[in-house]
Structure formats: structure tokens, C-alpha cells
Amino acid sequence: MADIRKSTDGPDPFSPSAYDFTQIPDYDNDFVVDDDFAEFAKALSAPENASASQDDLTTPPTVFITALNDWRPINQRVRGRRKGSSKKRRPPRRGKDEAREGFVYTLLKWPLLGVVFGWIVLLGAGYMLTRLYIYLYENLVTWRGKREMLRQRLQSQTIYEDWVKAAKELDEHLGNEQWKKTDEYAYYDSKTVRRVKEQMLTLRTRAEAEEKDQSSGNGRIKAIDELRGLVEACVKNNFVGFENPRLYSETYFGTKNLVQSYVDEVSASLTLLLNSRQLTQEDKRTLFKHIHTNFGRTALCLSGGATFAYYHFGIAKALLDASLLPSIITGTSGGALVAALLATRTDDELKKLLVPALAGRITACADPFSVWARRWYKTGARFDSVDWAK
């Protein structure tokens, strides 16, 4: 873990060096080849068939497809009547009720449409009133007095150690510490967790004693073997619900004391199994391979959501400062761009890169409204294809 007494492992966010873009690694390197993007832009334009060879004359020409905005009206080209032509066109013959709409459709079409739109308006008004009630209740009733002071203190912290202290003070004031002491909860099996933790503690204590005295345990099953079997059976993804998100959403810091003690005991048992001299290297390899399969690995999944992508930089910076940035990172849309940035650099490079000066390199929305609105109307695309490829 990183030093929690520090706000960041890189440059201080408020120091002048953090805003110096020349300190960013490869600040003057765009990692692009202009000739390649010129060819890419040429490929996006209409194909040119002027210099086709004889072999290509037998093949049908390529159909070039252009994206159009769904809201843009489609104007169908209609051939006009020739001048001087006195021949009148006959109106198209249509049978009786060919579309099988009937008179009910004619009578109820607009009333039903009005009912639907009215219901949407009522739902929107109800939602706005609900949000207004929540806003007023939180500001006038919930967050007042000491709890509001503690919450503001929590939100103003810049060092993780100070944030933990402020979160514990707020939990103590709100009565969340009593919730932590109560083992029973509907979203996990507290009895199984308590029984497994006590059994694991007993076996670990015996295994540590046998580790010091290699002569003990001859002729009977060793405690280290029993501990290995118990760990292999219990270290699984969301074992009896101990990873349920609700267990970690009731307080500002921490969870049930029973769950935390179980996690600590599992960590201590795994450390003993890893360093034990009573197990062979093959036994350890098999054990941790099974645990890797059953428990899995931590992955950071970054969503898209337009401007939400900017929050990913702060999340990555916080995980990096705590030395918790996982090796598996994925994302969609804007999250994919941030994931590509994180996955192609080492931690030391990211500490120099994730600074306020990086904002000068984020130019995805640099086009003015007059430019991207015209592009959106013509093609349905918000961003330029060449700029997005870069």
C-alpha cells in the first residue's frame, strides 16, 4: 500500500509543476503518422473509379454508403410532368380499407396519442416533485447541525488518512458503529462466516505450532493439510454472500466487524500456506491455481457515458496512489480511451502523467457547437472520424 499520509504519489495537484505540460512524458509526441491518417481520410471519401483496369470493368461498382441523421428528412426525387403534355395522370386505385385500419383507428388515433404524451408529462412532473422533496428534506431536515459539519469535514479532506478519520467520526455520530457490531444481516450467512472463521483460526494456530516443531503431527493428518482444504473450499467468489454490495453500502467506512475479521483471517491463512515449509511447491501451485479459478481476479471496468469518462482519471489516480490499480482494465467508449492510456504505461509513468496538465491533451470536445452540430445533422456523428482515430 502507498503511504496514506500523502495525498498523492506524484506531483502535488496544486503545485506549479503539476500544471507544467512539459513535465508530462512524451508531451510533444502524438504517436501518429500523418501520412497514414491522410490515407485514412482519403478512404473515407467517395471512391474513385476513374482509373479502373480492364479486369475491374466486369465487376459491379462499389456502393458507397453515407450515414444520415435519423431525424433528417428524406427528400425523394419526383419526376415532373413534361411541358406541353395534356395527358392527365389517373389517380391510383385503392381498394376499400387496404391497410385494415378501420374507423376505430381514425377515431382513437389522436386521443390515444394525447393520453400517452399526457402520461409522460405526469411521470416527468412526478419525478421532478420527488427530487424537489428529497432536496428540501435533506437540506432542511437530514443534514443539519453536527452531522452536516461532519459531512463537510469529510468532503474537504485531501489525504486518505484524514478522510478515514472523518468517515469514522461520521459513522459514530450516525450510529453506524452499532450496525457493524451486529453480526446478523439478511444479505449474507453470518452463522457460516462465524463458524468458518473460528475453524480457520484454530487450524492456523495449530499449523503455526507444527511449523515450529516438525516432529509433531507424525501419523495423523497435519493441520496445514486441513487448513489447505478449508481455504480451498471457502475462498470463492461471494462465499455465502460476504461480498454483497449492501454490506459495504451501509457505512461511510468499513463493513460488519465479522466480515472484516473473516477477510483478515483468510489473508493470514493464505500467507501461512504460501510460506509454509510443510507444503511442496507443487502443492502450493495447485492450491493457488484452484483459488485463482474459484475466486477470480479484480478488474477495473470503465463505462462510457460521455462526460463521465473524465471521472475515470480521478478513479485511476486514487487507485494508483493506493497501489491498488489492477492489471486487468477494460472500458467502453470514453472509458476505453482511458483504459488504453492506463494499460500501456507503468505505474511510475502514470504517476507523472495523471496530473492537471494532462487536461491540455484532452481535446475530444474541442470543436465549437457550430462545427459539430453541422456534422451531426449531415452524418449523425458527433465527432470527426479522423480526429477520433487519432
Protein backbone atom coordinates (compact mmCIF):
# COMPACT_ATOMS: atom_id res chain seq x y z
CA MET A 1 0.00 0.00 0.00
CA ALA A 2 1.05 3.55 -0.58
CA ASP A 3 1.69 6.00 2.23
CA ILE A 4 -1.79 7.06 3.29
CA ARG A 5 -0.36 10.18 4.90
CA LYS A 6 0.30 11.58 1.43
CA SER A 7 -2.35 13.00 -0.85
CA THR A 8 -0.64 11.65 -3.97
CA ASP A 9 2.43 9.70 -5.06
CA GLY A 10 3.10 12.04 -7.97
CA PRO A 11 3.44 15.83 -8.06
CA ASP A 12 1.22 17.78 -5.70
CA PRO A 13 -2.00 18.66 -7.62
CA PHE A 14 -1.72 22.29 -6.50
CA SER A 15 1.99 22.75 -7.24
CA PRO A 16 3.18 24.68 -10.33
CA SER A 17 4.95 21.56 -11.65
CA ALA A 18 1.60 19.74 -11.88
CA TYR A 19 0.41 22.33 -14.41
CA ASP A 20 3.60 22.31 -16.49
CA PHE A 21 2.72 20.31 -19.60
CA THR A 22 6.41 19.93 -20.49
CA GLN A 23 6.79 17.61 -17.48
CA ILE A 24 4.33 15.11 -18.98
CA PRO A 25 6.09 12.12 -20.56
CA ASP A 26 6.05 12.35 -24.38
CA TYR A 27 4.19 15.66 -24.26
CA ASP A 28 5.43 16.52 -27.77
CA ASN A 29 4.74 13.11 -29.29
CA ASP A 30 1.32 12.45 -30.81
CA PHE A 31 2.14 8.79 -31.60
CA VAL A 32 0.61 9.18 -35.07
CA VAL A 33 1.95 9.10 -38.62
CA ASP A 34 0.44 11.91 -40.68
CA ASP A 35 0.75 10.02 -43.96
CA ASP A 36 -1.27 7.11 -42.59
CA PHE A 37 -4.08 9.38 -41.47
CA ALA A 38 -4.05 11.15 -44.81
CA GLU A 39 -4.69 7.79 -46.47
CA PHE A 40 -7.35 7.05 -43.88
CA ALA A 41 -9.13 10.33 -44.66
CA LYS A 42 -8.90 9.55 -48.37
CA ALA A 43 -10.51 6.15 -47.80
CA LEU A 44 -13.41 7.82 -46.02
CA SER A 45 -14.20 9.95 -49.04
CA ALA A 46 -16.10 8.74 -52.10
CA PRO A 47 -14.28 6.00 -54.05
CA GLU A 48 -12.65 6.99 -57.31
CA ASN A 49 -13.31 4.65 -60.29
CA ALA A 50 -11.66 6.79 -62.96
CA SER A 51 -8.57 4.63 -63.34
CA ALA A 52 -10.18 1.20 -63.26
CA SER A 53 -8.39 -1.58 -65.13
CA GLN A 54 -10.00 -3.93 -67.65
CA ASP A 55 -10.25 -6.65 -65.02
CA ASP A 56 -12.33 -4.37 -62.85
CA LEU A 57 -14.76 -3.49 -65.67
CA THR A 58 -16.56 -6.82 -65.31
CA THR A 59 -17.21 -6.30 -61.60
CA PRO A 60 -20.06 -4.11 -60.39
CA PRO A 61 -19.04 -0.75 -58.94
CA THR A 62 -18.71 -0.40 -55.19
CA VAL A 63 -21.75 1.03 -53.46
CA PHE A 64 -20.69 3.89 -51.22
CA ILE A 65 -22.86 4.23 -48.12
CA THR A 66 -23.14 7.52 -46.27
CA ALA A 67 -24.60 7.73 -42.79
CA LEU A 68 -27.50 10.14 -42.37
CA ASN A 69 -29.07 11.51 -39.26
CA ASP A 70 -32.23 9.66 -38.27
CA TRP A 71 -34.04 12.98 -37.75
CA ARG A 72 -33.05 14.41 -41.11
CA PRO A 73 -35.95 14.49 -43.61
CA ILE A 74 -35.54 12.29 -46.67
CA ASN A 75 -36.43 14.15 -49.87
CA GLN A 76 -37.47 11.77 -52.60
CA ARG A 77 -36.76 12.96 -56.12
CA VAL A 78 -40.04 13.12 -58.09
CA ARG A 79 -40.04 13.36 -61.89
CA GLY A 80 -42.13 16.28 -63.05
CA ARG A 81 -44.61 16.31 -65.93
CA ARG A 82 -43.30 17.33 -69.32
CA LYS A 83 -44.26 20.71 -70.67
CA GLY A 84 -46.97 20.66 -73.28
CA SER A 85 -48.26 17.30 -72.19
CA SER A 86 -52.03 17.43 -71.83
CA LYS A 87 -52.39 13.87 -70.68
CA LYS A 88 -53.59 13.73 -67.11
CA ARG A 89 -52.46 11.07 -64.72
CA ARG A 90 -55.06 8.82 -63.29
CA PRO A 91 -55.20 8.73 -59.53
CA PRO A 92 -54.01 5.41 -58.09
CA ARG A 93 -56.79 2.98 -57.48
CA ARG A 94 -57.11 1.89 -53.93
CA GLY A 95 -59.35 -0.77 -52.58
CA LYS A 96 -61.58 -0.30 -49.63
CA ASP A 97 -59.60 -0.24 -46.36
CA GLU A 98 -56.46 -1.84 -47.79
CA ALA A 99 -54.47 -1.06 -44.62
CA ARG A 100 -57.27 -2.55 -42.49
CA GLU A 101 -57.21 0.49 -40.23
CA GLY A 102 -60.95 0.82 -39.84
CA PHE A 103 -62.91 3.70 -38.39
CA VAL A 104 -61.75 2.91 -34.83
CA TYR A 105 -58.18 3.81 -35.76
CA THR A 106 -59.34 7.12 -37.21
CA LEU A 107 -61.37 7.95 -34.12
CA LEU A 108 -58.86 6.90 -31.44
CA LYS A 109 -55.51 7.72 -33.06
CA TRP A 110 -55.14 11.24 -31.75
CA PRO A 111 -56.87 10.72 -28.38
CA LEU A 112 -54.57 7.78 -27.60
CA LEU A 113 -51.54 9.80 -28.63
CA GLY A 114 -52.66 12.58 -26.32
CA VAL A 115 -53.10 10.10 -23.45
CA VAL A 116 -49.57 8.74 -23.98
CA PHE A 117 -47.98 12.18 -24.04
CA GLY A 118 -50.07 13.26 -21.05
CA TRP A 119 -48.90 10.22 -19.09
CA ILE A 120 -45.28 11.04 -19.95
CA VAL A 121 -45.78 14.61 -18.74
CA LEU A 122 -47.34 13.37 -15.49
CA LEU A 123 -44.46 10.98 -14.88
CA GLY A 124 -41.93 13.74 -15.54
CA ALA A 125 -43.74 16.12 -13.20
CA GLY A 126 -43.96 13.43 -10.52
CA TYR A 127 -40.24 12.74 -10.79
CA MET A 128 -39.38 16.43 -10.53
CA LEU A 129 -41.59 16.83 -7.46
CA THR A 130 -40.00 13.78 -5.85
CA ARG A 131 -36.48 15.10 -6.44
CA LEU A 132 -37.52 18.51 -5.11
CA TYR A 133 -38.93 16.89 -1.96
CA ILE A 134 -35.72 14.90 -1.42
CA TYR A 135 -33.59 18.01 -1.93
CA LEU A 136 -35.60 20.07 0.54
CA TYR A 137 -35.77 17.26 3.11
CA GLU A 138 -32.02 16.65 3.00
CA ASN A 139 -31.16 20.33 3.33
CA LEU A 140 -33.81 21.29 5.89
CA VAL A 141 -34.11 18.12 7.99
CA THR A 142 -31.42 15.48 7.41
CA TRP A 143 -28.15 17.36 7.01
CA ARG A 144 -28.24 19.89 9.81
CA GLY A 145 -26.21 20.59 12.90
CA LYS A 146 -23.31 18.34 13.79
CA ARG A 147 -23.91 15.75 11.08
CA GLU A 148 -23.71 18.45 8.41
CA MET A 149 -20.48 19.74 9.95
CA LEU A 150 -19.01 16.22 9.94
CA ARG A 151 -20.07 15.63 6.35
CA GLN A 152 -18.46 18.88 5.19
CA ARG A 153 -15.30 17.91 7.04
CA LEU A 154 -15.33 14.55 5.26
CA GLN A 155 -15.76 16.14 1.84
CA SER A 156 -12.96 18.65 2.42
CA GLN A 157 -10.22 16.07 3.14
CA THR A 158 -7.35 15.72 0.67
CA ILE A 159 -5.34 12.98 2.46
CA TYR A 160 -6.71 9.46 2.71
CA GLU A 161 -5.71 9.01 6.35
CA ASP A 162 -7.62 12.16 7.34
CA TRP A 163 -10.59 11.04 5.24
CA VAL A 164 -10.72 7.72 7.13
CA LYS A 165 -10.77 9.52 10.47
CA ALA A 166 -13.54 11.86 9.32
CA ALA A 167 -15.57 8.92 7.95
CA LYS A 168 -15.29 7.04 11.26
CA GLU A 169 -16.42 10.12 13.17
CA LEU A 170 -19.45 10.47 10.92
CA ASP A 171 -20.29 6.76 11.28
CA GLU A 172 -20.02 7.06 15.06
CA HIS A 173 -22.36 10.05 15.11
CA LEU A 174 -24.92 8.35 12.83
CA GLY A 175 -24.90 5.12 14.85
CA ASN A 176 -23.32 3.02 12.13
CA GLU A 177 -20.74 1.56 14.53
CA GLN A 178 -23.54 -0.31 16.29
CA TRP A 179 -24.58 -1.77 12.94
CA LYS A 180 -21.02 -3.05 12.44
CA LYS A 181 -21.08 -4.85 15.79
CA THR A 182 -24.30 -6.72 14.95
CA ASP A 183 -23.39 -9.89 13.04
CA GLU A 184 -26.85 -10.77 11.73
CA TYR A 185 -27.83 -9.34 8.36
CA ALA A 186 -30.29 -10.51 5.74
CA TYR A 187 -27.86 -10.35 2.81
CA TYR A 188 -25.23 -12.87 4.00
CA ASP A 189 -25.00 -16.02 6.13
CA SER A 190 -23.44 -14.75 9.35
CA LYS A 191 -23.52 -18.16 11.08
CA THR A 192 -21.48 -19.84 8.35
CA VAL A 193 -18.99 -16.97 8.23
CA ARG A 194 -18.51 -17.11 12.01
CA ARG A 195 -18.09 -20.90 12.05
CA VAL A 196 -15.61 -20.89 9.16
CA LYS A 197 -13.60 -18.05 10.68
CA GLU A 198 -13.30 -19.79 14.06
CA GLN A 199 -12.34 -23.10 12.44
CA MET A 200 -9.79 -21.38 10.22
CA LEU A 201 -8.28 -19.58 13.22
CA THR A 202 -7.97 -22.86 15.14
CA LEU A 203 -6.31 -24.68 12.25
CA ARG A 204 -3.95 -21.80 11.56
CA THR A 205 -2.85 -21.70 15.19
CA ARG A 206 -2.16 -25.45 15.15
CA ALA A 207 -0.36 -25.21 11.81
CA GLU A 208 1.89 -22.44 13.10
CA ALA A 209 2.77 -24.59 16.11
CA GLU A 210 3.52 -27.58 13.88
CA GLU A 211 5.60 -25.33 11.64
CA LYS A 212 7.94 -24.68 14.54
CA ASP A 213 8.01 -28.33 15.64
CA GLN A 214 8.39 -30.51 12.54
CA SER A 215 8.30 -33.71 14.63
CA SER A 216 4.68 -33.18 15.68
CA GLY A 217 1.85 -34.44 13.57
CA ASN A 218 3.50 -37.71 12.53
CA GLY A 219 0.96 -40.48 11.98
CA ARG A 220 -2.03 -38.17 11.69
CA ILE A 221 -3.40 -35.54 9.35
CA LYS A 222 -1.46 -32.33 9.69
CA ALA A 223 -3.25 -29.12 10.49
CA ILE A 224 -1.69 -27.49 7.44
CA ASP A 225 -3.46 -30.01 5.20
CA GLU A 226 -6.79 -29.40 6.93
CA LEU A 227 -6.27 -25.66 6.63
CA ARG A 228 -5.47 -26.03 2.94
CA GLY A 229 -8.69 -27.97 2.34
CA LEU A 230 -10.77 -25.44 4.28
CA VAL A 231 -9.27 -22.46 2.45
CA GLU A 232 -9.75 -24.15 -0.91
CA ALA A 233 -13.42 -24.78 -0.09
CA CYS A 234 -14.23 -21.33 1.32
CA VAL A 235 -12.22 -18.88 -0.77
CA LYS A 236 -14.78 -18.47 -3.54
CA ASN A 237 -16.48 -15.61 -5.28
CA ASN A 238 -19.13 -14.14 -2.94
CA PHE A 239 -18.89 -17.04 -0.48
CA VAL A 240 -22.20 -17.12 1.50
CA GLY A 241 -22.76 -13.51 0.40
CA PHE A 242 -19.80 -11.85 2.15
CA GLU A 243 -19.17 -9.74 -0.99
CA ASN A 244 -22.74 -8.47 -1.27
CA PRO A 245 -22.65 -4.75 -2.16
CA ARG A 246 -25.17 -3.95 0.57
CA LEU A 247 -22.62 -4.97 3.20
CA TYR A 248 -20.39 -2.15 2.00
CA SER A 249 -23.10 0.49 1.44
CA GLU A 250 -24.45 0.98 4.97
CA THR A 251 -21.49 2.95 6.35
CA TYR A 252 -19.04 5.53 5.12
CA PHE A 253 -16.07 3.33 6.04
CA GLY A 254 -15.83 -0.41 6.61
CA THR A 255 -18.42 -3.15 6.92
CA LYS A 256 -19.55 -5.70 9.51
CA ASN A 257 -16.83 -6.49 12.05
CA LEU A 258 -17.47 -10.20 11.47
CA VAL A 259 -16.94 -9.86 7.73
CA GLN A 260 -13.77 -7.82 8.21
CA SER A 261 -12.35 -10.33 10.70
CA TYR A 262 -13.16 -13.18 8.27
CA VAL A 263 -11.32 -11.41 5.45
CA ASP A 264 -8.33 -10.78 7.73
CA GLU A 265 -8.26 -14.43 8.79
CA VAL A 266 -8.38 -15.64 5.19
CA SER A 267 -5.49 -13.32 4.34
CA ALA A 268 -3.43 -14.60 7.28
CA SER A 269 -4.15 -18.24 6.36
CA LEU A 270 -3.15 -17.68 2.73
CA THR A 271 0.10 -16.07 3.87
CA LEU A 272 0.86 -19.08 6.07
CA LEU A 273 0.11 -21.53 3.26
CA LEU A 274 2.33 -19.57 0.90
CA ASN A 275 5.33 -19.52 3.25
CA SER A 276 4.85 -22.94 4.87
CA ARG A 277 7.70 -25.47 4.64
CA GLN A 278 5.27 -28.36 5.12
CA LEU A 279 3.86 -27.99 1.61
CA THR A 280 5.76 -28.69 -1.58
CA GLN A 281 5.96 -26.21 -4.42
CA GLU A 282 3.62 -28.39 -6.47
CA ASP A 283 1.05 -28.40 -3.63
CA LYS A 284 1.21 -24.61 -3.44
CA ARG A 285 0.90 -24.24 -7.19
CA THR A 286 -2.17 -26.49 -7.29
CA LEU A 287 -3.77 -24.70 -4.33
CA PHE A 288 -3.40 -21.20 -5.69
CA LYS A 289 -4.41 -22.29 -9.16
CA HIS A 290 -7.72 -23.55 -7.74
CA ILE A 291 -8.16 -20.36 -5.70
CA HIS A 292 -7.43 -18.28 -8.80
CA THR A 293 -10.16 -20.18 -10.66
CA ASN A 294 -12.75 -20.07 -7.85
CA PHE A 295 -12.21 -16.54 -6.55
CA GLY A 296 -11.17 -14.81 -9.77
CA ARG A 297 -9.21 -11.62 -10.27
CA THR A 298 -10.06 -7.96 -9.80
CA ALA A 299 -10.81 -6.00 -12.96
CA LEU A 300 -11.42 -2.29 -13.46
CA CYS A 301 -14.35 -1.73 -15.85
CA LEU A 302 -14.71 1.86 -17.06
CA SER A 303 -18.05 2.81 -18.57
CA GLY A 304 -18.68 5.31 -21.34
CA GLY A 305 -21.36 7.90 -20.74
CA ALA A 306 -19.81 10.94 -22.45
CA THR A 307 -18.56 13.32 -19.72
CA PHE A 308 -18.50 10.51 -17.15
CA ALA A 309 -15.24 9.43 -18.80
CA TYR A 310 -13.50 12.37 -17.13
CA TYR A 311 -14.20 10.83 -13.71
CA HIS A 312 -12.14 7.80 -14.70
CA PHE A 313 -8.94 9.81 -14.40
CA GLY A 314 -9.68 10.54 -10.75
CA ILE A 315 -10.58 6.92 -10.03
CA ALA A 316 -7.39 5.71 -11.68
CA LYS A 317 -5.33 8.28 -9.78
CA ALA A 318 -6.81 7.24 -6.42
CA LEU A 319 -6.19 3.54 -7.11
CA LEU A 320 -2.68 4.31 -8.29
CA ASP A 321 -1.84 6.28 -5.15
CA ALA A 322 -3.04 3.33 -3.03
CA SER A 323 -1.13 0.79 -5.18
CA LEU A 324 -4.45 -0.91 -5.97
CA LEU A 325 -4.63 -0.34 -9.72
CA PRO A 326 -5.45 -3.80 -11.17
CA SER A 327 -3.70 -5.31 -14.14
CA ILE A 328 -6.99 -6.07 -15.92
CA ILE A 329 -8.60 -2.89 -17.25
CA THR A 330 -11.39 -2.59 -19.79
CA GLY A 331 -13.84 0.06 -20.91
CA THR A 332 -16.34 1.25 -23.49
CA SER A 333 -16.42 4.48 -25.48
CA GLY A 334 -14.61 7.14 -23.46
CA GLY A 335 -13.77 4.54 -20.83
CA ALA A 336 -11.95 2.53 -23.49
CA LEU A 337 -9.68 5.51 -24.21
CA VAL A 338 -8.81 5.87 -20.52
CA ALA A 339 -8.29 2.10 -20.24
CA ALA A 340 -5.89 2.20 -23.20
CA LEU A 341 -3.96 5.01 -21.52
CA LEU A 342 -3.68 3.12 -18.23
CA ALA A 343 -2.87 -0.28 -19.69
CA THR A 344 0.01 0.88 -21.89
CA ARG A 345 2.08 2.58 -19.18
CA THR A 346 3.83 1.58 -15.99
CA ASP A 347 2.86 2.88 -12.57
CA ASP A 348 5.85 5.24 -12.49
CA GLU A 349 4.85 6.70 -15.86
CA LEU A 350 1.23 7.10 -14.74
CA LYS A 351 2.30 8.99 -11.62
CA LYS A 352 3.89 11.60 -13.87
CA LEU A 353 1.09 11.51 -16.42
CA LEU A 354 -2.07 11.76 -14.28
CA VAL A 355 -1.62 15.41 -13.34
CA PRO A 356 -3.73 18.54 -14.04
CA ALA A 357 -1.53 19.40 -17.03
CA LEU A 358 -2.97 16.36 -18.84
CA ALA A 359 -6.17 18.38 -19.40
CA GLY A 360 -4.42 20.18 -22.25
CA ARG A 361 -4.20 16.90 -24.16
CA ILE A 362 -7.89 16.06 -23.78
CA THR A 363 -9.36 17.64 -26.90
CA ALA A 364 -12.21 15.26 -27.76
CA CYS A 365 -14.82 18.04 -27.40
CA ALA A 366 -12.73 20.92 -28.70
CA ASP A 367 -14.93 21.57 -31.76
CA PRO A 368 -17.35 24.50 -31.34
CA PHE A 369 -21.07 23.95 -31.48
CA SER A 370 -21.36 25.37 -34.99
CA VAL A 371 -18.94 22.71 -36.29
CA TRP A 372 -20.14 19.55 -34.60
CA ALA A 373 -23.83 20.46 -34.93
CA ARG A 374 -23.46 20.71 -38.72
CA ARG A 375 -21.60 17.40 -38.77
CA TRP A 376 -24.24 15.75 -36.61
CA TYR A 377 -27.03 16.98 -38.90
CA LYS A 378 -25.32 15.74 -42.06
CA THR A 379 -23.87 12.41 -40.91
CA GLY A 380 -25.35 11.69 -37.48
CA ALA A 381 -21.83 11.64 -35.96
CA ARG A 382 -20.86 13.86 -33.05
CA PHE A 383 -17.08 13.53 -33.57
CA ASP A 384 -14.88 13.74 -36.63
CA SER A 385 -13.73 10.30 -37.77
CA VAL A 386 -10.11 11.31 -38.35
CA ASP A 387 -9.77 13.15 -35.04
CA TRP A 388 -11.39 10.26 -33.19
CA ALA A 389 -8.99 7.79 -34.84
CA LYS A 390 -6.04 9.89 -33.68
